[in-house]
Amino acid sequence: MLKKTWKILLELIQMVVFAMVLAVLINLFLFQPVRVEGNSMEPTLQNKDFVILSRIGKTLNLELDYGDIVVIDRRIERKRSLLDDIQDLGLFNRMGNRNLLIKRVIGLPGDTVEISSDGVRRNGILLDEPYLVEEYVYHSEERYLVPEGNVFVLGDNRNNSMDSRVIGFIPIDNIKGTMVLDVSKLLR
């Protein structure tokens, strides 16, 4: 009887360990839940919303597209590593990571992004940005040429966003993943 109990207990432990390893692998390479912190993406995303981040593009080195909502590591002076990704997992990091920001891709490598009183232009074409609800208060005209291997990102709440205007260009390696689902909107 004792031998049978130990066998059942060992099988249970193996199933739990397998499930944990599988969960970590899914979070690292496929999909990861992320909690939005702050108001920089309003009205598209609200503070404390939960979104699902696709890691597939990062895993397979797929191209980013204009308008993609991405989670970035704002520490642009260093390249993100697998260890960073592991430390960002909810299992190991219960506190919010202030180095991770969620923003919208506005410019890709080689693009010229111009910001002025009439809006944002990419390669001379004025962007249609229906997701903006508040007019941005422009202090001066700005022009950015996005270097190879980088993107230019902006928050949807332009008056309250730490983005490429402040941080600088975001190395593609510092993009954690692309948002594919706003779980909070499904629950509203």
C-alpha atoms as a PDB file:
ATOM      1  CA  MET A   1       0.000   0.000   0.000  1.00  0.00           C
ATOM      2  CA  LEU A   2       2.828   2.414   0.872  1.00  0.00           C
ATOM      3  CA  LYS A   3       4.583   1.617  -2.406  1.00  0.00           C
ATOM      4  CA  LYS A   4       1.395   2.398  -4.364  1.00  0.00           C
ATOM      5  CA  THR A   5       0.968   5.734  -2.515  1.00  0.00           C
ATOM      6  CA  TRP A   6       4.546   6.747  -3.329  1.00  0.00           C
ATOM      7  CA  LYS A   7       4.016   5.824  -6.970  1.00  0.00           C
ATOM      8  CA  ILE A   8       0.882   7.996  -7.176  1.00  0.00           C
ATOM      9  CA  LEU A   9       2.646  10.862  -5.403  1.00  0.00           C
ATOM     10  CA  LEU A  10       5.634  10.620  -7.777  1.00  0.00           C
ATOM     11  CA  GLU A  11       3.322  10.651 -10.828  1.00  0.00           C
ATOM     12  CA  LEU A  12       1.519  13.709  -9.439  1.00  0.00           C
ATOM     13  CA  ILE A  13       4.825  15.534  -8.899  1.00  0.00           C
ATOM     14  CA  GLN A  14       5.913  14.658 -12.446  1.00  0.00           C
ATOM     15  CA  MET A  15       2.646  16.031 -13.881  1.00  0.00           C
ATOM     16  CA  VAL A  16       3.007  19.277 -11.918  1.00  0.00           C
ATOM     17  CA  VAL A  17       6.634  19.746 -13.011  1.00  0.00           C
ATOM     18  CA  PHE A  18       5.709  18.973 -16.634  1.00  0.00           C
ATOM     19  CA  ALA A  19       2.828  21.485 -16.498  1.00  0.00           C
ATOM     20  CA  MET A  20       5.103  24.192 -15.046  1.00  0.00           C
ATOM     21  CA  VAL A  21       7.807  23.616 -17.675  1.00  0.00           C
ATOM     22  CA  LEU A  22       5.165  23.698 -20.413  1.00  0.00           C
ATOM     23  CA  ALA A  23       3.695  26.951 -19.026  1.00  0.00           C
ATOM     24  CA  VAL A  24       7.142  28.590 -18.953  1.00  0.00           C
ATOM     25  CA  LEU A  25       7.883  27.487 -22.541  1.00  0.00           C
ATOM     26  CA  ILE A  26       4.513  28.783 -23.770  1.00  0.00           C
ATOM     27  CA  ASN A  27       5.158  32.133 -22.033  1.00  0.00           C
ATOM     28  CA  LEU A  28       8.687  32.421 -23.414  1.00  0.00           C
ATOM     29  CA  PHE A  29       8.077  31.431 -27.023  1.00  0.00           C
ATOM     30  CA  LEU A  30       4.347  31.594 -27.891  1.00  0.00           C
ATOM     31  CA  PHE A  31       1.993  33.751 -25.800  1.00  0.00           C
ATOM     32  CA  GLN A  32       2.233  35.695 -22.572  1.00  0.00           C
ATOM     33  CA  PRO A  33      -0.327  37.620 -20.521  1.00  0.00           C
ATOM     34  CA  VAL A  34       0.746  41.183 -19.712  1.00  0.00           C
ATOM     35  CA  ARG A  35      -0.837  43.788 -17.468  1.00  0.00           C
ATOM     36  CA  VAL A  36      -0.930  47.371 -18.770  1.00  0.00           C
ATOM     37  CA  GLU A  37       0.478  49.873 -16.301  1.00  0.00           C
ATOM     38  CA  GLY A  38      -0.200  53.544 -16.852  1.00  0.00           C
ATOM     39  CA  ASN A  39      -2.319  55.717 -19.118  1.00  0.00           C
ATOM     40  CA  SER A  40      -0.002  56.201 -22.103  1.00  0.00           C
ATOM     41  CA  MET A  41      -2.092  54.014 -24.438  1.00  0.00           C
ATOM     42  CA  GLU A  42      -5.508  55.471 -23.602  1.00  0.00           C
ATOM     43  CA  PRO A  43      -8.097  55.236 -25.026  1.00  0.00           C
ATOM     44  CA  THR A  44      -6.990  52.021 -26.759  1.00  0.00           C
ATOM     45  CA  LEU A  45      -5.780  50.380 -23.541  1.00  0.00           C
ATOM     46  CA  GLN A  46      -6.641  51.343 -19.991  1.00  0.00           C
ATOM     47  CA  ASN A  47      -4.486  51.182 -16.871  1.00  0.00           C
ATOM     48  CA  LYS A  48      -4.616  47.642 -15.403  1.00  0.00           C
ATOM     49  CA  ASP A  49      -5.989  46.040 -18.601  1.00  0.00           C
ATOM     50  CA  PHE A  50      -4.787  42.516 -19.327  1.00  0.00           C
ATOM     51  CA  VAL A  51      -3.582  41.783 -22.849  1.00  0.00           C
ATOM     52  CA  ILE A  52      -2.189  38.701 -24.546  1.00  0.00           C
ATOM     53  CA  LEU A  53       1.211  39.221 -26.093  1.00  0.00           C
ATOM     54  CA  SER A  54       2.298  37.081 -29.035  1.00  0.00           C
ATOM     55  CA  ARG A  55       5.916  35.994 -28.748  1.00  0.00           C
ATOM     56  CA  ILE A  56       5.741  34.023 -32.014  1.00  0.00           C
ATOM     57  CA  GLY A  57       6.989  36.947 -34.125  1.00  0.00           C
ATOM     58  CA  LYS A  58      10.004  37.367 -31.870  1.00  0.00           C
ATOM     59  CA  THR A  59      10.647  33.609 -31.785  1.00  0.00           C
ATOM     60  CA  LEU A  60      10.479  33.308 -35.592  1.00  0.00           C
ATOM     61  CA  ASN A  61      12.018  36.758 -36.367  1.00  0.00           C
ATOM     62  CA  LEU A  62       8.878  37.924 -38.199  1.00  0.00           C
ATOM     63  CA  GLU A  63       8.553  41.498 -39.452  1.00  0.00           C
ATOM     64  CA  LEU A  64       6.740  44.161 -37.458  1.00  0.00           C
ATOM     65  CA  ASP A  65       4.014  46.236 -39.089  1.00  0.00           C
ATOM     66  CA  TYR A  66       2.800  49.800 -38.747  1.00  0.00           C
ATOM     67  CA  GLY A  67       0.250  50.140 -35.973  1.00  0.00           C
ATOM     68  CA  ASP A  68       1.354  47.010 -34.098  1.00  0.00           C
ATOM     69  CA  ILE A  69       1.013  47.454 -30.354  1.00  0.00           C
ATOM     70  CA  VAL A  70       4.199  46.137 -28.801  1.00  0.00           C
ATOM     71  CA  VAL A  71       5.744  45.698 -25.386  1.00  0.00           C
ATOM     72  CA  ILE A  72       9.231  47.184 -25.341  1.00  0.00           C
ATOM     73  CA  ASP A  73      12.135  47.162 -22.933  1.00  0.00           C
ATOM     74  CA  ARG A  74      13.065  50.819 -22.558  1.00  0.00           C
ATOM     75  CA  ARG A  75      16.657  49.974 -21.555  1.00  0.00           C
ATOM     76  CA  ILE A  76      17.818  50.583 -25.122  1.00  0.00           C
ATOM     77  CA  GLU A  77      21.500  50.678 -24.213  1.00  0.00           C
ATOM     78  CA  ARG A  78      21.496  46.900 -23.741  1.00  0.00           C
ATOM     79  CA  LYS A  79      20.223  43.915 -25.685  1.00  0.00           C
ATOM     80  CA  ARG A  80      17.471  41.824 -24.085  1.00  0.00           C
ATOM     81  CA  SER A  81      18.407  38.264 -23.236  1.00  0.00           C
ATOM     82  CA  LEU A  82      16.550  35.032 -22.531  1.00  0.00           C
ATOM     83  CA  LEU A  83      17.292  35.658 -18.853  1.00  0.00           C
ATOM     84  CA  ASP A  84      15.387  38.984 -19.096  1.00  0.00           C
ATOM     85  CA  ASP A  85      12.421  37.123 -20.583  1.00  0.00           C
ATOM     86  CA  ILE A  86      12.508  34.521 -17.801  1.00  0.00           C
ATOM     87  CA  GLN A  87      12.716  37.210 -15.116  1.00  0.00           C
ATOM     88  CA  ASP A  88       9.696  38.995 -16.653  1.00  0.00           C
ATOM     89  CA  LEU A  89       7.462  35.939 -16.227  1.00  0.00           C
ATOM     90  CA  GLY A  90       4.741  36.356 -13.604  1.00  0.00           C
ATOM     91  CA  LEU A  91       6.046  33.290 -11.755  1.00  0.00           C
ATOM     92  CA  PHE A  92       9.304  35.058 -10.963  1.00  0.00           C
ATOM     93  CA  ASN A  93       8.304  38.715 -11.004  1.00  0.00           C
ATOM     94  CA  ARG A  94       5.294  39.615  -8.883  1.00  0.00           C
ATOM     95  CA  MET A  95       5.990  43.354  -9.008  1.00  0.00           C
ATOM     96  CA  GLY A  96       5.443  45.424 -12.146  1.00  0.00           C
ATOM     97  CA  ASN A  97       8.507  45.846 -14.346  1.00  0.00           C
ATOM     98  CA  ARG A  98       9.017  49.582 -14.872  1.00  0.00           C
ATOM     99  CA  ASN A  99      11.404  48.871 -17.749  1.00  0.00           C
ATOM    100  CA  LEU A 100       8.623  47.410 -19.887  1.00  0.00           C
ATOM    101  CA  LEU A 101       6.319  49.787 -21.766  1.00  0.00           C
ATOM    102  CA  ILE A 102       3.471  49.181 -24.212  1.00  0.00           C
ATOM    103  CA  LYS A 103       3.407  51.409 -27.326  1.00  0.00           C
ATOM    104  CA  ARG A 104       2.327  51.565 -30.968  1.00  0.00           C
ATOM    105  CA  VAL A 105       4.799  51.120 -33.870  1.00  0.00           C
ATOM    106  CA  ILE A 106       4.774  54.288 -35.977  1.00  0.00           C
ATOM    107  CA  GLY A 107       8.062  54.030 -37.900  1.00  0.00           C
ATOM    108  CA  LEU A 108      10.085  51.085 -39.228  1.00  0.00           C
ATOM    109  CA  PRO A 109      13.773  51.059 -40.252  1.00  0.00           C
ATOM    110  CA  GLY A 110      14.478  53.654 -42.946  1.00  0.00           C
ATOM    111  CA  ASP A 111      11.298  55.672 -42.326  1.00  0.00           C
ATOM    112  CA  THR A 112      11.231  59.398 -41.683  1.00  0.00           C
ATOM    113  CA  VAL A 113       8.760  60.366 -38.950  1.00  0.00           C
ATOM    114  CA  GLU A 114       7.766  64.020 -38.643  1.00  0.00           C
ATOM    115  CA  ILE A 115       5.672  65.408 -35.800  1.00  0.00           C
ATOM    116  CA  SER A 116       4.104  68.841 -36.150  1.00  0.00           C
ATOM    117  CA  SER A 117       0.943  70.777 -35.346  1.00  0.00           C
ATOM    118  CA  ASP A 118      -1.001  69.021 -38.113  1.00  0.00           C
ATOM    119  CA  GLY A 119      -0.125  65.515 -36.863  1.00  0.00           C
ATOM    120  CA  VAL A 120       2.345  62.742 -37.515  1.00  0.00           C
ATOM    121  CA  ARG A 121       3.751  62.104 -40.972  1.00  0.00           C
ATOM    122  CA  ARG A 122       5.574  58.985 -42.055  1.00  0.00           C
ATOM    123  CA  ASN A 123       7.646  59.408 -45.197  1.00  0.00           C
ATOM    124  CA  GLY A 124       5.739  62.618 -45.966  1.00  0.00           C
ATOM    125  CA  ILE A 125       2.250  61.093 -45.636  1.00  0.00           C
ATOM    126  CA  LEU A 126      -0.029  62.319 -42.841  1.00  0.00           C
ATOM    127  CA  LEU A 127      -1.139  59.358 -40.701  1.00  0.00           C
ATOM    128  CA  ASP A 128      -4.812  58.674 -40.094  1.00  0.00           C
ATOM    129  CA  GLU A 129      -4.896  57.930 -36.363  1.00  0.00           C
ATOM    130  CA  PRO A 130      -8.538  57.341 -35.343  1.00  0.00           C
ATOM    131  CA  TYR A 131      -7.410  55.868 -32.009  1.00  0.00           C
ATOM    132  CA  LEU A 132      -6.344  59.324 -30.767  1.00  0.00           C
ATOM    133  CA  VAL A 133      -9.031  61.193 -28.828  1.00  0.00           C
ATOM    134  CA  GLU A 134      -7.020  64.080 -27.433  1.00  0.00           C
ATOM    135  CA  GLU A 135      -5.192  66.597 -29.567  1.00  0.00           C
ATOM    136  CA  TYR A 136      -1.473  66.521 -28.893  1.00  0.00           C
ATOM    137  CA  VAL A 137       0.077  69.768 -27.709  1.00  0.00           C
ATOM    138  CA  TYR A 138       3.111  70.231 -29.977  1.00  0.00           C
ATOM    139  CA  HIS A 139       5.943  72.333 -28.638  1.00  0.00           C
ATOM    140  CA  SER A 140       8.107  72.202 -31.738  1.00  0.00           C
ATOM    141  CA  GLU A 141       8.366  70.356 -35.004  1.00  0.00           C
ATOM    142  CA  GLU A 142      10.328  67.151 -34.709  1.00  0.00           C
ATOM    143  CA  ARG A 143      11.876  64.936 -37.381  1.00  0.00           C
ATOM    144  CA  TYR A 144      13.295  61.435 -36.895  1.00  0.00           C
ATOM    145  CA  LEU A 145      15.047  59.107 -39.343  1.00  0.00           C
ATOM    146  CA  VAL A 146      14.598  55.555 -38.030  1.00  0.00           C
ATOM    147  CA  PRO A 147      17.928  53.677 -38.223  1.00  0.00           C
ATOM    148  CA  GLU A 148      18.270  50.067 -39.366  1.00  0.00           C
ATOM    149  CA  GLY A 149      17.434  47.528 -36.662  1.00  0.00           C
ATOM    150  CA  ASN A 150      15.184  49.995 -34.803  1.00  0.00           C
ATOM    151  CA  VAL A 151      11.581  51.191 -34.673  1.00  0.00           C
ATOM    152  CA  PHE A 152       9.904  54.441 -33.656  1.00  0.00           C
ATOM    153  CA  VAL A 153       7.028  54.037 -31.176  1.00  0.00           C
ATOM    154  CA  LEU A 154       4.429  56.412 -29.740  1.00  0.00           C
ATOM    155  CA  GLY A 155       1.756  56.053 -27.085  1.00  0.00           C
ATOM    156  CA  ASP A 156      -1.847  56.749 -28.094  1.00  0.00           C
ATOM    157  CA  ASN A 157      -2.104  59.287 -25.250  1.00  0.00           C
ATOM    158  CA  ARG A 158       0.541  61.559 -26.776  1.00  0.00           C
ATOM    159  CA  ASN A 159       0.365  64.160 -24.002  1.00  0.00           C
ATOM    160  CA  ASN A 160       1.155  61.519 -21.362  1.00  0.00           C
ATOM    161  CA  SER A 161       3.525  59.017 -22.932  1.00  0.00           C
ATOM    162  CA  MET A 162       7.170  58.083 -22.506  1.00  0.00           C
ATOM    163  CA  ASP A 163       7.961  56.887 -26.008  1.00  0.00           C
ATOM    164  CA  SER A 164      10.548  57.321 -28.775  1.00  0.00           C
ATOM    165  CA  ARG A 165      10.339  61.101 -28.447  1.00  0.00           C
ATOM    166  CA  VAL A 166      11.890  60.687 -24.973  1.00  0.00           C
ATOM    167  CA  ILE A 167      13.607  57.291 -24.954  1.00  0.00           C
ATOM    168  CA  GLY A 168      14.865  57.284 -28.523  1.00  0.00           C
ATOM    169  CA  PHE A 169      14.645  54.609 -31.183  1.00  0.00           C
ATOM    170  CA  ILE A 170      13.808  51.123 -29.926  1.00  0.00           C
ATOM    171  CA  PRO A 171      16.101  48.308 -31.067  1.00  0.00           C
ATOM    172  CA  ILE A 172      14.032  45.494 -32.554  1.00  0.00           C
ATOM    173  CA  ASP A 173      15.780  43.135 -30.099  1.00  0.00           C
ATOM    174  CA  ASN A 174      14.171  45.121 -27.263  1.00  0.00           C
ATOM    175  CA  ILE A 175      10.652  44.321 -28.431  1.00  0.00           C
ATOM    176  CA  LYS A 176       9.224  41.653 -26.157  1.00  0.00           C
ATOM    177  CA  GLY A 177       6.209  40.841 -28.342  1.00  0.00           C
ATOM    178  CA  THR A 178       3.104  42.095 -30.131  1.00  0.00           C
ATOM    179  CA  MET A 179      -0.340  42.447 -28.575  1.00  0.00           C
ATOM    180  CA  VAL A 180      -2.887  40.111 -30.154  1.00  0.00           C
ATOM    181  CA  LEU A 181      -5.805  40.358 -27.710  1.00  0.00           C
ATOM    182  CA  ASP A 182      -7.124  42.785 -25.101  1.00  0.00           C
ATOM    183  CA  VAL A 183      -8.673  40.351 -22.608  1.00  0.00           C
ATOM    184  CA  SER A 184     -10.141  43.216 -20.559  1.00  0.00           C
ATOM    185  CA  LYS A 185     -12.331  44.347 -23.506  1.00  0.00           C
ATOM    186  CA  LEU A 186     -13.818  40.862 -23.676  1.00  0.00           C
ATOM    187  CA  LEU A 187     -14.788  41.119 -20.007  1.00  0.00           C
ATOM    188  CA  ARG A 188     -16.325  44.627 -20.225  1.00  0.00           C
END
